Amino acid sequence: MATGGALEAVVLAAGFGSRFGGGKLTATMPDGRPLIAGALAAAAAAPVRTVTVVWGADTGVPAAARAVFAALGAPARLTLVHASEHARGLSASLKAGVASLPPDCAGCFLFLGDMPRIPTAVLAPLAEALAAGATAAAPVWNGQRGHPVLFGRALLPALLGLEGDKGAGSLLAGLGDKLALAPAPDDGVLYDVDVRGDLNGSARP
């Protein structure tokens, strides 16, 4: 359960995007925005105090993030963290973001920078589930767990203990009924961009 403090958001944006050919998160979507803009806008819409963007391989990410938050009129809510060990895999980037959070953090939304169609309607139900006693909360669409995932304060030390090129899937799998699942309004909680052709579906239908 989240008690005291405030919720925060972390957007993971440190990978090279090798299947994409590099420069994935700053690639241009059909609407003219960089790919990462979708995840950033969703994170900014979450009930959080700050949004931490973890960057690494793509040096264009910080400028893109600043531009998005300037357009939103909320530049002060953005924090940029460089994951110096991003080449070691997803867990290194995740740990860099979580380690930077303030000590009174009550929980952390974890967004992936290559998911541009997160439906903002699912964000409040995730926070409500955590406030009601869940250890973590995630959206679900057609029986599949999606993103973002909201981790309560009690799980943050476990996130800092992850290793290798993997996220927190195994940690979530062990939570049982302590993981709350909130129905998502569409498949944006599952949609990500892996290769350049995926950009064609990055706009919300």
N, C-alpha and C. Protein backbone atom coordinates (compact mmCIF):
# COMPACT_ATOMS: atom_id res chain seq x y z
N MET A 1 0.85 -1.20 0.00
CA MET A 1 0.00 0.00 0.00
C MET A 1 0.89 1.25 0.00
N ALA A 2 0.48 2.26 -0.76
CA ALA A 2 1.20 3.53 -0.75
C ALA A 2 0.73 4.37 0.43
N THR A 3 1.64 4.75 1.29
CA THR A 3 1.29 5.60 2.42
C THR A 3 2.26 6.76 2.46
N GLY A 4 1.75 7.99 2.51
CA GLY A 4 2.60 9.16 2.56
C GLY A 4 3.32 9.37 1.24
N GLY A 5 4.00 10.48 1.14
CA GLY A 5 4.78 10.75 -0.05
C GLY A 5 3.90 10.93 -1.28
N ALA A 6 4.53 10.88 -2.43
CA ALA A 6 3.83 11.08 -3.70
C ALA A 6 4.26 10.02 -4.69
N LEU A 7 3.43 9.81 -5.67
CA LEU A 7 3.79 8.90 -6.75
C LEU A 7 4.70 9.62 -7.73
N GLU A 8 5.58 8.86 -8.38
CA GLU A 8 6.48 9.38 -9.39
C GLU A 8 6.34 8.53 -10.65
N ALA A 9 6.87 9.02 -11.75
CA ALA A 9 6.90 8.25 -13.00
C ALA A 9 8.32 8.17 -13.52
N VAL A 10 8.67 7.01 -14.05
CA VAL A 10 9.96 6.80 -14.70
C VAL A 10 9.69 6.32 -16.12
N VAL A 11 10.30 6.97 -17.09
CA VAL A 11 10.19 6.55 -18.48
C VAL A 11 11.54 6.00 -18.91
N LEU A 12 11.58 4.73 -19.28
CA LEU A 12 12.82 4.09 -19.70
C LEU A 12 13.07 4.40 -21.17
N ALA A 13 14.17 5.08 -21.45
CA ALA A 13 14.48 5.53 -22.81
C ALA A 13 15.98 5.48 -23.07
N ALA A 14 16.63 4.42 -22.57
CA ALA A 14 18.08 4.36 -22.64
C ALA A 14 18.61 3.38 -23.68
N GLY A 15 17.74 2.56 -24.28
CA GLY A 15 18.22 1.53 -25.19
C GLY A 15 18.64 2.06 -26.55
N PHE A 16 19.40 1.25 -27.26
CA PHE A 16 19.88 1.63 -28.60
C PHE A 16 18.80 1.44 -29.65
N GLY A 17 17.91 0.47 -29.46
CA GLY A 17 16.90 0.17 -30.47
C GLY A 17 17.51 -0.53 -31.66
N SER A 18 18.25 -1.61 -31.39
CA SER A 18 19.01 -2.27 -32.45
C SER A 18 18.12 -2.83 -33.55
N ARG A 19 16.97 -3.39 -33.21
CA ARG A 19 16.08 -3.93 -34.24
C ARG A 19 15.52 -2.83 -35.13
N PHE A 20 15.45 -1.63 -34.58
CA PHE A 20 14.95 -0.48 -35.31
C PHE A 20 16.03 0.11 -36.22
N GLY A 21 17.29 -0.12 -35.83
CA GLY A 21 18.42 0.45 -36.55
C GLY A 21 19.02 1.66 -35.87
N GLY A 22 18.65 1.87 -34.59
CA GLY A 22 19.16 3.00 -33.82
C GLY A 22 18.27 4.22 -33.95
N GLY A 23 18.40 5.10 -32.98
CA GLY A 23 17.63 6.34 -33.00
C GLY A 23 16.13 6.14 -32.92
N LYS A 24 15.69 5.06 -32.32
CA LYS A 24 14.26 4.73 -32.32
C LYS A 24 13.43 5.77 -31.59
N LEU A 25 13.82 6.15 -30.41
CA LEU A 25 12.96 6.99 -29.58
C LEU A 25 12.83 8.42 -30.09
N THR A 26 13.75 8.84 -30.95
CA THR A 26 13.65 10.18 -31.52
C THR A 26 13.22 10.13 -32.99
N ALA A 27 12.85 8.94 -33.47
CA ALA A 27 12.33 8.82 -34.83
C ALA A 27 10.98 9.53 -34.92
N THR A 28 10.66 10.01 -36.11
CA THR A 28 9.45 10.81 -36.30
C THR A 28 8.23 9.94 -36.55
N MET A 29 7.18 10.16 -35.76
CA MET A 29 5.91 9.47 -35.94
C MET A 29 5.12 10.15 -37.06
N PRO A 30 4.05 9.50 -37.55
CA PRO A 30 3.24 10.11 -38.60
C PRO A 30 2.70 11.50 -38.25
N ASP A 31 2.53 11.79 -36.96
CA ASP A 31 2.01 13.11 -36.57
C ASP A 31 3.11 14.16 -36.43
N GLY A 32 4.35 13.76 -36.75
CA GLY A 32 5.46 14.71 -36.72
C GLY A 32 6.22 14.77 -35.41
N ARG A 33 5.71 14.14 -34.38
CA ARG A 33 6.39 14.15 -33.08
C ARG A 33 7.40 13.01 -33.00
N PRO A 34 8.41 13.13 -32.11
CA PRO A 34 9.31 12.01 -31.88
C PRO A 34 8.56 10.87 -31.20
N LEU A 35 8.97 9.65 -31.43
CA LEU A 35 8.29 8.48 -30.87
C LEU A 35 8.10 8.58 -29.37
N ILE A 36 9.11 9.04 -28.66
CA ILE A 36 9.03 9.07 -27.20
C ILE A 36 7.96 10.04 -26.69
N ALA A 37 7.49 10.94 -27.53
CA ALA A 37 6.51 11.94 -27.08
C ALA A 37 5.25 11.30 -26.53
N GLY A 38 4.82 10.19 -27.11
CA GLY A 38 3.60 9.54 -26.64
C GLY A 38 3.73 9.05 -25.21
N ALA A 39 4.82 8.39 -24.89
CA ALA A 39 5.03 7.90 -23.53
C ALA A 39 5.20 9.05 -22.55
N LEU A 40 5.87 10.11 -22.99
CA LEU A 40 6.07 11.26 -22.11
C LEU A 40 4.76 11.95 -21.79
N ALA A 41 3.91 12.10 -22.79
CA ALA A 41 2.61 12.74 -22.56
C ALA A 41 1.76 11.92 -21.61
N ALA A 42 1.81 10.59 -21.76
CA ALA A 42 1.05 9.73 -20.85
C ALA A 42 1.59 9.82 -19.43
N ALA A 43 2.91 9.82 -19.30
CA ALA A 43 3.52 9.93 -17.97
C ALA A 43 3.16 11.25 -17.31
N ALA A 44 3.14 12.31 -18.10
CA ALA A 44 2.79 13.62 -17.55
C ALA A 44 1.34 13.68 -17.11
N ALA A 45 0.49 12.86 -17.75
CA ALA A 45 -0.93 12.83 -17.40
C ALA A 45 -1.22 11.96 -16.18
N ALA A 46 -0.25 11.18 -15.75
CA ALA A 46 -0.43 10.32 -14.59
C ALA A 46 -0.48 11.16 -13.31
N PRO A 47 -1.08 10.63 -12.24
CA PRO A 47 -1.14 11.37 -10.97
C PRO A 47 0.19 11.29 -10.23
N VAL A 48 1.19 11.95 -10.80
CA VAL A 48 2.55 11.88 -10.27
C VAL A 48 3.11 13.28 -10.03
N ARG A 49 4.11 13.32 -9.18
CA ARG A 49 4.78 14.58 -8.86
C ARG A 49 5.79 14.96 -9.95
N THR A 50 6.62 14.00 -10.35
CA THR A 50 7.64 14.26 -11.37
C THR A 50 7.69 13.11 -12.37
N VAL A 51 8.30 13.39 -13.51
CA VAL A 51 8.55 12.37 -14.53
C VAL A 51 10.05 12.31 -14.78
N THR A 52 10.64 11.16 -14.50
CA THR A 52 12.07 10.96 -14.71
C THR A 52 12.29 10.19 -15.99
N VAL A 53 13.04 10.77 -16.91
CA VAL A 53 13.36 10.11 -18.17
C VAL A 53 14.79 9.59 -18.09
N VAL A 54 14.94 8.29 -18.22
CA VAL A 54 16.25 7.65 -18.17
C VAL A 54 16.75 7.48 -19.59
N TRP A 55 17.85 8.13 -19.94
CA TRP A 55 18.38 8.07 -21.29
C TRP A 55 19.78 7.48 -21.29
N GLY A 56 20.22 7.08 -22.49
CA GLY A 56 21.54 6.45 -22.58
C GLY A 56 22.10 6.48 -23.99
N ALA A 57 21.72 5.51 -24.82
CA ALA A 57 22.31 5.37 -26.14
C ALA A 57 21.94 6.50 -27.09
N ASP A 58 20.70 6.97 -27.02
CA ASP A 58 20.22 8.00 -27.94
C ASP A 58 20.40 9.37 -27.30
N THR A 59 21.41 10.09 -27.74
CA THR A 59 21.72 11.38 -27.11
C THR A 59 20.70 12.46 -27.47
N GLY A 60 19.78 12.16 -28.37
CA GLY A 60 18.75 13.12 -28.70
C GLY A 60 17.56 13.10 -27.75
N VAL A 61 17.51 12.10 -26.89
CA VAL A 61 16.36 11.96 -25.98
C VAL A 61 16.19 13.15 -25.03
N PRO A 62 17.26 13.64 -24.39
CA PRO A 62 17.05 14.77 -23.47
C PRO A 62 16.40 15.98 -24.13
N ALA A 63 16.87 16.34 -25.31
CA ALA A 63 16.29 17.50 -25.99
C ALA A 63 14.83 17.24 -26.37
N ALA A 64 14.55 16.04 -26.82
CA ALA A 64 13.17 15.69 -27.18
C ALA A 64 12.26 15.77 -25.95
N ALA A 65 12.74 15.27 -24.82
CA ALA A 65 11.95 15.30 -23.60
C ALA A 65 11.71 16.73 -23.13
N ARG A 66 12.74 17.55 -23.18
CA ARG A 66 12.57 18.95 -22.78
C ARG A 66 11.54 19.65 -23.65
N ALA A 67 11.57 19.36 -24.95
CA ALA A 67 10.63 20.00 -25.87
C ALA A 67 9.19 19.58 -25.56
N VAL A 68 8.99 18.30 -25.26
CA VAL A 68 7.65 17.82 -24.95
C VAL A 68 7.12 18.48 -23.69
N PHE A 69 7.94 18.56 -22.65
CA PHE A 69 7.47 19.14 -21.39
C PHE A 69 7.33 20.65 -21.48
N ALA A 70 8.12 21.28 -22.32
CA ALA A 70 7.93 22.71 -22.55
C ALA A 70 6.59 22.95 -23.22
N ALA A 71 6.25 22.11 -24.20
CA ALA A 71 4.97 22.24 -24.90
C ALA A 71 3.80 21.98 -23.96
N LEU A 72 4.01 21.12 -22.97
CA LEU A 72 2.97 20.82 -21.99
C LEU A 72 2.87 21.90 -20.92
N GLY A 73 3.81 22.82 -20.91
CA GLY A 73 3.83 23.86 -19.90
C GLY A 73 4.26 23.36 -18.54
N ALA A 74 5.04 22.27 -18.52
CA ALA A 74 5.43 21.67 -17.24
C ALA A 74 6.91 21.30 -17.21
N PRO A 75 7.80 22.21 -17.62
CA PRO A 75 9.22 21.85 -17.66
C PRO A 75 9.80 21.48 -16.30
N ALA A 76 9.25 22.03 -15.22
CA ALA A 76 9.79 21.77 -13.89
C ALA A 76 9.49 20.35 -13.41
N ARG A 77 8.54 19.67 -14.04
CA ARG A 77 8.19 18.31 -13.62
C ARG A 77 9.14 17.27 -14.22
N LEU A 78 9.98 17.67 -15.16
CA LEU A 78 10.86 16.73 -15.86
C LEU A 78 12.20 16.61 -15.17
N THR A 79 12.64 15.36 -14.98
CA THR A 79 13.99 15.07 -14.49
C THR A 79 14.66 14.15 -15.50
N LEU A 80 15.90 14.45 -15.84
CA LEU A 80 16.66 13.62 -16.78
C LEU A 80 17.76 12.88 -16.02
N VAL A 81 17.84 11.57 -16.24
CA VAL A 81 18.87 10.75 -15.59
C VAL A 81 19.61 9.96 -16.66
N HIS A 82 20.92 10.08 -16.68
CA HIS A 82 21.72 9.32 -17.64
C HIS A 82 22.09 7.97 -17.03
N ALA A 83 21.75 6.90 -17.74
CA ALA A 83 22.10 5.54 -17.29
C ALA A 83 23.44 5.19 -17.89
N SER A 84 24.49 5.40 -17.13
CA SER A 84 25.85 5.21 -17.65
C SER A 84 26.13 3.76 -18.02
N GLU A 85 25.39 2.83 -17.41
CA GLU A 85 25.61 1.41 -17.69
C GLU A 85 24.47 0.82 -18.52
N HIS A 86 23.85 1.64 -19.36
CA HIS A 86 22.69 1.19 -20.14
C HIS A 86 23.01 0.02 -21.05
N ALA A 87 24.27 -0.12 -21.47
CA ALA A 87 24.65 -1.22 -22.36
C ALA A 87 24.52 -2.58 -21.68
N ARG A 88 24.40 -2.60 -20.36
CA ARG A 88 24.28 -3.85 -19.62
C ARG A 88 22.86 -4.39 -19.65
N GLY A 89 21.94 -3.62 -20.20
CA GLY A 89 20.58 -4.14 -20.34
C GLY A 89 19.53 -3.30 -19.65
N LEU A 90 18.28 -3.73 -19.82
CA LEU A 90 17.13 -3.00 -19.32
C LEU A 90 17.17 -2.78 -17.82
N SER A 91 17.64 -3.77 -17.08
CA SER A 91 17.64 -3.64 -15.63
C SER A 91 18.54 -2.49 -15.17
N ALA A 92 19.64 -2.27 -15.89
CA ALA A 92 20.55 -1.18 -15.51
C ALA A 92 19.86 0.17 -15.65
N SER A 93 19.08 0.33 -16.71
CA SER A 93 18.35 1.58 -16.92
C SER A 93 17.26 1.74 -15.88
N LEU A 94 16.56 0.66 -15.60
CA LEU A 94 15.50 0.69 -14.60
C LEU A 94 16.05 1.08 -13.23
N LYS A 95 17.17 0.50 -12.87
CA LYS A 95 17.76 0.79 -11.57
C LYS A 95 18.24 2.23 -11.48
N ALA A 96 18.76 2.77 -12.58
CA ALA A 96 19.21 4.17 -12.57
C ALA A 96 18.04 5.09 -12.30
N GLY A 97 16.89 4.78 -12.90
CA GLY A 97 15.72 5.61 -12.68
C GLY A 97 15.18 5.51 -11.26
N VAL A 98 15.03 4.28 -10.78
CA VAL A 98 14.48 4.08 -9.44
C VAL A 98 15.41 4.65 -8.36
N ALA A 99 16.72 4.50 -8.56
CA ALA A 99 17.67 5.00 -7.57
C ALA A 99 17.64 6.51 -7.45
N SER A 100 17.17 7.19 -8.49
CA SER A 100 17.13 8.65 -8.48
C SER A 100 15.89 9.23 -7.81
N LEU A 101 14.92 8.39 -7.48
CA LEU A 101 13.67 8.89 -6.94
C LEU A 101 13.85 9.42 -5.52
N PRO A 102 13.04 10.42 -5.13
CA PRO A 102 13.17 10.98 -3.78
C PRO A 102 12.80 9.95 -2.72
N PRO A 103 13.36 10.08 -1.53
CA PRO A 103 13.14 9.08 -0.47
C PRO A 103 11.70 8.95 -0.01
N ASP A 104 10.88 9.98 -0.23
CA ASP A 104 9.49 9.89 0.20
C ASP A 104 8.57 9.38 -0.91
N CYS A 105 9.15 8.82 -1.96
CA CYS A 105 8.36 8.28 -3.07
C CYS A 105 7.43 7.17 -2.56
N ALA A 106 6.13 7.32 -2.84
CA ALA A 106 5.15 6.33 -2.39
C ALA A 106 4.93 5.23 -3.41
N GLY A 107 5.41 5.43 -4.62
CA GLY A 107 5.25 4.44 -5.67
C GLY A 107 5.72 5.01 -6.99
N CYS A 108 5.95 4.13 -7.95
CA CYS A 108 6.55 4.55 -9.20
C CYS A 108 5.84 3.91 -10.39
N PHE A 109 5.29 4.73 -11.29
CA PHE A 109 4.81 4.26 -12.57
C PHE A 109 6.02 4.02 -13.47
N LEU A 110 6.07 2.86 -14.10
CA LEU A 110 7.18 2.56 -15.01
C LEU A 110 6.64 2.51 -16.43
N PHE A 111 7.05 3.49 -17.23
CA PHE A 111 6.66 3.58 -18.63
C PHE A 111 7.83 3.17 -19.52
N LEU A 112 7.51 2.64 -20.70
CA LEU A 112 8.52 2.32 -21.69
C LEU A 112 8.45 3.36 -22.80
N GLY A 113 9.59 3.92 -23.16
CA GLY A 113 9.62 5.02 -24.10
C GLY A 113 9.15 4.69 -25.50
N ASP A 114 9.13 3.40 -25.85
CA ASP A 114 8.71 3.03 -27.21
C ASP A 114 7.25 2.60 -27.29
N MET A 115 6.46 2.97 -26.28
CA MET A 115 5.02 2.68 -26.28
C MET A 115 4.26 4.00 -26.40
N PRO A 116 3.89 4.40 -27.62
CA PRO A 116 3.34 5.74 -27.84
C PRO A 116 1.83 5.88 -27.65
N ARG A 117 1.12 4.78 -27.39
CA ARG A 117 -0.34 4.86 -27.36
C ARG A 117 -0.95 4.45 -26.02
N ILE A 118 -0.25 4.71 -24.93
CA ILE A 118 -0.79 4.38 -23.61
C ILE A 118 -2.07 5.18 -23.38
N PRO A 119 -3.19 4.52 -23.09
CA PRO A 119 -4.43 5.25 -22.81
C PRO A 119 -4.39 5.87 -21.42
N THR A 120 -4.52 7.17 -21.35
CA THR A 120 -4.40 7.84 -20.05
C THR A 120 -5.54 7.49 -19.10
N ALA A 121 -6.64 6.96 -19.64
CA ALA A 121 -7.78 6.61 -18.78
C ALA A 121 -7.45 5.50 -17.80
N VAL A 122 -6.40 4.74 -18.05
CA VAL A 122 -6.09 3.63 -17.15
C VAL A 122 -5.20 4.06 -15.99
N LEU A 123 -4.66 5.28 -16.02
CA LEU A 123 -3.68 5.69 -15.03
C LEU A 123 -4.27 5.89 -13.63
N ALA A 124 -5.40 6.59 -13.55
CA ALA A 124 -6.03 6.79 -12.24
C ALA A 124 -6.46 5.48 -11.58
N PRO A 125 -7.07 4.52 -12.33
CA PRO A 125 -7.41 3.24 -11.69
C PRO A 125 -6.20 2.51 -11.12
N LEU A 126 -5.05 2.64 -11.76
CA LEU A 126 -3.85 1.99 -11.21
C LEU A 126 -3.47 2.63 -9.88
N ALA A 127 -3.50 3.95 -9.82
CA ALA A 127 -3.18 4.64 -8.57
C ALA A 127 -4.19 4.30 -7.48
N GLU A 128 -5.46 4.21 -7.86
CA GLU A 128 -6.51 3.86 -6.89
C GLU A 128 -6.30 2.46 -6.33
N ALA A 129 -5.85 1.53 -7.18
CA ALA A 129 -5.60 0.16 -6.72
C ALA A 129 -4.47 0.13 -5.70
N LEU A 130 -3.43 0.91 -5.95
CA LEU A 130 -2.31 0.96 -5.01
C LEU A 130 -2.77 1.57 -3.69
N ALA A 131 -3.55 2.64 -3.76
CA ALA A 131 -4.05 3.28 -2.54
C ALA A 131 -4.95 2.35 -1.75
N ALA A 132 -5.61 1.41 -2.46
CA ALA A 132 -6.54 0.49 -1.79
C ALA A 132 -5.82 -0.72 -1.17
N GLY A 133 -4.52 -0.82 -1.37
CA GLY A 133 -3.78 -1.89 -0.71
C GLY A 133 -2.98 -2.81 -1.59
N ALA A 134 -3.08 -2.67 -2.91
CA ALA A 134 -2.28 -3.52 -3.80
C ALA A 134 -0.80 -3.17 -3.66
N THR A 135 0.06 -4.16 -3.89
CA THR A 135 1.50 -3.94 -3.86
C THR A 135 1.98 -3.34 -5.17
N ALA A 136 1.30 -3.71 -6.26
CA ALA A 136 1.59 -3.18 -7.58
C ALA A 136 0.30 -3.25 -8.39
N ALA A 137 0.26 -2.51 -9.50
CA ALA A 137 -0.93 -2.51 -10.34
C ALA A 137 -0.52 -2.38 -11.80
N ALA A 138 -1.27 -3.07 -12.66
CA ALA A 138 -0.94 -3.05 -14.09
C ALA A 138 -2.22 -3.10 -14.91
N PRO A 139 -2.21 -2.55 -16.12
CA PRO A 139 -3.38 -2.64 -16.99
C PRO A 139 -3.41 -3.99 -17.69
N VAL A 140 -4.60 -4.40 -18.10
CA VAL A 140 -4.73 -5.67 -18.82
C VAL A 140 -5.67 -5.47 -19.99
N TRP A 141 -5.32 -6.08 -21.13
CA TRP A 141 -6.15 -6.01 -22.33
C TRP A 141 -6.23 -7.40 -22.93
N ASN A 142 -7.44 -7.92 -23.10
CA ASN A 142 -7.64 -9.26 -23.66
C ASN A 142 -6.80 -10.32 -22.94
N GLY A 143 -6.73 -10.20 -21.63
CA GLY A 143 -6.03 -11.18 -20.82
C GLY A 143 -4.53 -11.01 -20.76
N GLN A 144 -3.97 -10.00 -21.42
CA GLN A 144 -2.53 -9.77 -21.41
C GLN A 144 -2.20 -8.56 -20.55
N ARG A 145 -1.24 -8.75 -19.67
CA ARG A 145 -0.79 -7.64 -18.83
C ARG A 145 0.05 -6.68 -19.67
N GLY A 146 -0.20 -5.38 -19.48
CA GLY A 146 0.50 -4.38 -20.28
C GLY A 146 1.25 -3.38 -19.43
N HIS A 147 1.46 -2.21 -20.01
CA HIS A 147 2.19 -1.12 -19.37
C HIS A 147 1.36 0.16 -19.44
N PRO A 148 1.61 1.08 -18.50
CA PRO A 148 2.67 1.07 -17.49
C PRO A 148 2.29 0.23 -16.28
N VAL A 149 3.31 -0.13 -15.52
CA VAL A 149 3.09 -0.83 -14.25
C VAL A 149 3.37 0.16 -13.13
N LEU A 150 2.53 0.15 -12.12
CA LEU A 150 2.74 1.00 -10.95
C LEU A 150 3.23 0.12 -9.80
N PHE A 151 4.43 0.43 -9.32
CA PHE A 151 5.04 -0.32 -8.22
C PHE A 151 4.93 0.48 -6.94
N GLY A 152 4.46 -0.18 -5.88
CA GLY A 152 4.40 0.46 -4.58
C GLY A 152 5.78 0.59 -3.96
N ARG A 153 5.87 1.41 -2.94
CA ARG A 153 7.14 1.68 -2.27
C ARG A 153 7.84 0.41 -1.81
N ALA A 154 7.09 -0.58 -1.35
CA ALA A 154 7.70 -1.80 -0.81
C ALA A 154 8.48 -2.58 -1.86
N LEU A 155 8.17 -2.37 -3.14
CA LEU A 155 8.84 -3.11 -4.20
C LEU A 155 10.07 -2.41 -4.75
N LEU A 156 10.28 -1.16 -4.39
CA LEU A 156 11.40 -0.43 -4.98
C LEU A 156 12.76 -1.07 -4.68
N PRO A 157 13.01 -1.58 -3.47
CA PRO A 157 14.29 -2.27 -3.25
C PRO A 157 14.47 -3.49 -4.15
N ALA A 158 13.39 -4.21 -4.44
CA ALA A 158 13.49 -5.37 -5.32
C ALA A 158 13.83 -4.95 -6.74
N LEU A 159 13.30 -3.81 -7.18
CA LEU A 159 13.63 -3.31 -8.51
C LEU A 159 15.12 -2.97 -8.60
N LEU A 160 15.66 -2.47 -7.53
CA LEU A 160 17.09 -2.12 -7.51
C LEU A 160 17.98 -3.36 -7.52
N GLY A 161 17.39 -4.51 -7.23
CA GLY A 161 18.16 -5.75 -7.22
C GLY A 161 18.11 -6.53 -8.52
N LEU A 162 17.39 -6.04 -9.53
CA LEU A 162 17.29 -6.75 -10.80
C LEU A 162 18.62 -6.73 -11.55
N GLU A 163 18.85 -7.75 -12.35
CA GLU A 163 20.09 -7.85 -13.14
C GLU A 163 19.76 -8.29 -14.56
N GLY A 164 20.65 -7.95 -15.50
CA GLY A 164 20.53 -8.44 -16.87
C GLY A 164 19.59 -7.62 -17.74
N ASP A 165 19.40 -8.10 -18.96
CA ASP A 165 18.58 -7.39 -19.94
C ASP A 165 17.13 -7.83 -19.81
N LYS A 166 16.54 -7.51 -18.69
CA LYS A 166 15.15 -7.89 -18.45
C LYS A 166 14.52 -6.88 -17.51
N GLY A 167 13.20 -6.82 -17.56
CA GLY A 167 12.47 -5.92 -16.70
C GLY A 167 12.02 -6.61 -15.43
N ALA A 168 10.85 -6.24 -14.96
CA ALA A 168 10.36 -6.73 -13.68
C ALA A 168 9.29 -7.80 -13.83
N GLY A 169 9.23 -8.46 -14.97
CA GLY A 169 8.19 -9.47 -15.20
C GLY A 169 8.19 -10.58 -14.18
N SER A 170 9.36 -11.09 -13.85
CA SER A 170 9.43 -12.19 -12.88
C SER A 170 9.01 -11.73 -11.50
N LEU A 171 9.32 -10.49 -11.17
CA LEU A 171 8.92 -9.93 -9.88
C LEU A 171 7.40 -9.83 -9.79
N LEU A 172 6.78 -9.36 -10.86
CA LEU A 172 5.33 -9.24 -10.88
C LEU A 172 4.66 -10.61 -10.83
N ALA A 173 5.25 -11.58 -11.51
CA ALA A 173 4.66 -12.92 -11.56
C ALA A 173 4.57 -13.55 -10.18
N GLY A 174 5.43 -13.13 -9.27
CA GLY A 174 5.43 -13.71 -7.94
C GLY A 174 4.53 -13.00 -6.94
N LEU A 175 3.82 -11.97 -7.38
CA LEU A 175 3.00 -11.20 -6.45
C LEU A 175 1.64 -11.82 -6.18
N GLY A 176 1.17 -12.66 -7.09
CA GLY A 176 -0.15 -13.26 -6.90
C GLY A 176 -1.23 -12.21 -6.84
N ASP A 177 -2.13 -12.32 -5.86
CA ASP A 177 -3.24 -11.39 -5.78
C ASP A 177 -2.84 -10.02 -5.21
N LYS A 178 -1.56 -9.85 -4.91
CA LYS A 178 -1.09 -8.53 -4.50
C LYS A 178 -0.87 -7.61 -5.70
N LEU A 179 -0.94 -8.19 -6.90
CA LEU A 179 -0.87 -7.41 -8.13
C LEU A 179 -2.29 -7.15 -8.61
N ALA A 180 -2.70 -5.89 -8.62
CA ALA A 180 -4.03 -5.52 -9.10
C ALA A 180 -3.99 -5.33 -10.60
N LEU A 181 -5.03 -5.79 -11.30
CA LEU A 181 -5.12 -5.64 -12.74
C LEU A 181 -6.31 -4.74 -13.07
N ALA A 182 -6.04 -3.70 -13.83
CA ALA A 182 -7.09 -2.76 -14.21
C ALA A 182 -7.38 -2.90 -15.70
N PRO A 183 -8.65 -3.11 -16.07
CA PRO A 183 -8.99 -3.25 -17.49
C PRO A 183 -8.61 -1.98 -18.27
N ALA A 184 -7.96 -2.18 -19.41
CA ALA A 184 -7.57 -1.06 -20.26
C ALA A 184 -8.65 -0.80 -21.31
N PRO A 185 -8.80 0.45 -21.76
CA PRO A 185 -9.83 0.75 -22.75
C PRO A 185 -9.46 0.37 -24.18
N ASP A 186 -8.17 0.12 -24.42
CA ASP A 186 -7.75 -0.29 -25.76
C ASP A 186 -6.39 -0.96 -25.68
N ASP A 187 -5.86 -1.38 -26.86
CA ASP A 187 -4.62 -2.16 -26.89
C ASP A 187 -3.36 -1.31 -26.81
N GLY A 188 -3.52 -0.01 -26.51
CA GLY A 188 -2.34 0.83 -26.36
C GLY A 188 -1.43 0.41 -25.23
N VAL A 189 -1.96 -0.35 -24.27
CA VAL A 189 -1.13 -0.82 -23.16
C VAL A 189 -0.21 -1.97 -23.58
N LEU A 190 -0.42 -2.48 -24.80
CA LEU A 190 0.41 -3.57 -25.32
C LEU A 190 1.28 -3.12 -26.51
N TYR A 191 0.87 -2.05 -27.19
CA TYR A 191 1.50 -1.67 -28.44
C TYR A 191 2.86 -1.00 -28.23
N ASP A 192 3.89 -1.56 -28.85
CA ASP A 192 5.20 -0.91 -28.82
C ASP A 192 5.78 -0.89 -30.23
N VAL A 193 6.83 -0.13 -30.39
CA VAL A 193 7.51 0.00 -31.69
C VAL A 193 8.84 -0.73 -31.60
N ASP A 194 9.00 -1.76 -32.42
CA ASP A 194 10.26 -2.51 -32.47
C ASP A 194 11.06 -2.20 -33.73
N VAL A 195 10.37 -2.16 -34.87
CA VAL A 195 11.03 -1.91 -36.16
C VAL A 195 10.39 -0.69 -36.82
N ARG A 196 11.02 -0.16 -37.85
CA ARG A 196 10.55 1.09 -38.45
C ARG A 196 9.12 0.98 -38.98
N GLY A 197 8.75 -0.19 -39.48
CA GLY A 197 7.40 -0.36 -39.99
C GLY A 197 6.33 -0.18 -38.94
N ASP A 198 6.70 -0.37 -37.67
CA ASP A 198 5.73 -0.22 -36.58
C ASP A 198 5.29 1.23 -36.39
N LEU A 199 6.08 2.17 -36.89
CA LEU A 199 5.72 3.58 -36.73
C LEU A 199 4.39 3.90 -37.41
N ASN A 200 4.04 3.12 -38.43
CA ASN A 200 2.79 3.37 -39.15
C ASN A 200 1.56 3.18 -38.26
N GLY A 201 1.72 2.40 -37.19
CA GLY A 201 0.59 2.17 -36.29
C GLY A 201 0.72 2.93 -34.98
N SER A 202 1.63 3.91 -34.94
CA SER A 202 1.91 4.60 -33.67
C SER A 202 0.85 5.63 -33.32
N ALA A 203 0.03 6.03 -34.29
CA ALA A 203 -1.05 6.97 -33.98
C ALA A 203 -2.25 6.21 -33.44
N ARG A 204 -2.96 6.82 -32.50
CA ARG A 204 -4.13 6.15 -31.93
C ARG A 204 -5.23 6.09 -32.98
N PRO A 205 -5.85 4.90 -33.16
CA PRO A 205 -6.90 4.74 -34.16
C PRO A 205 -8.06 5.71 -33.90
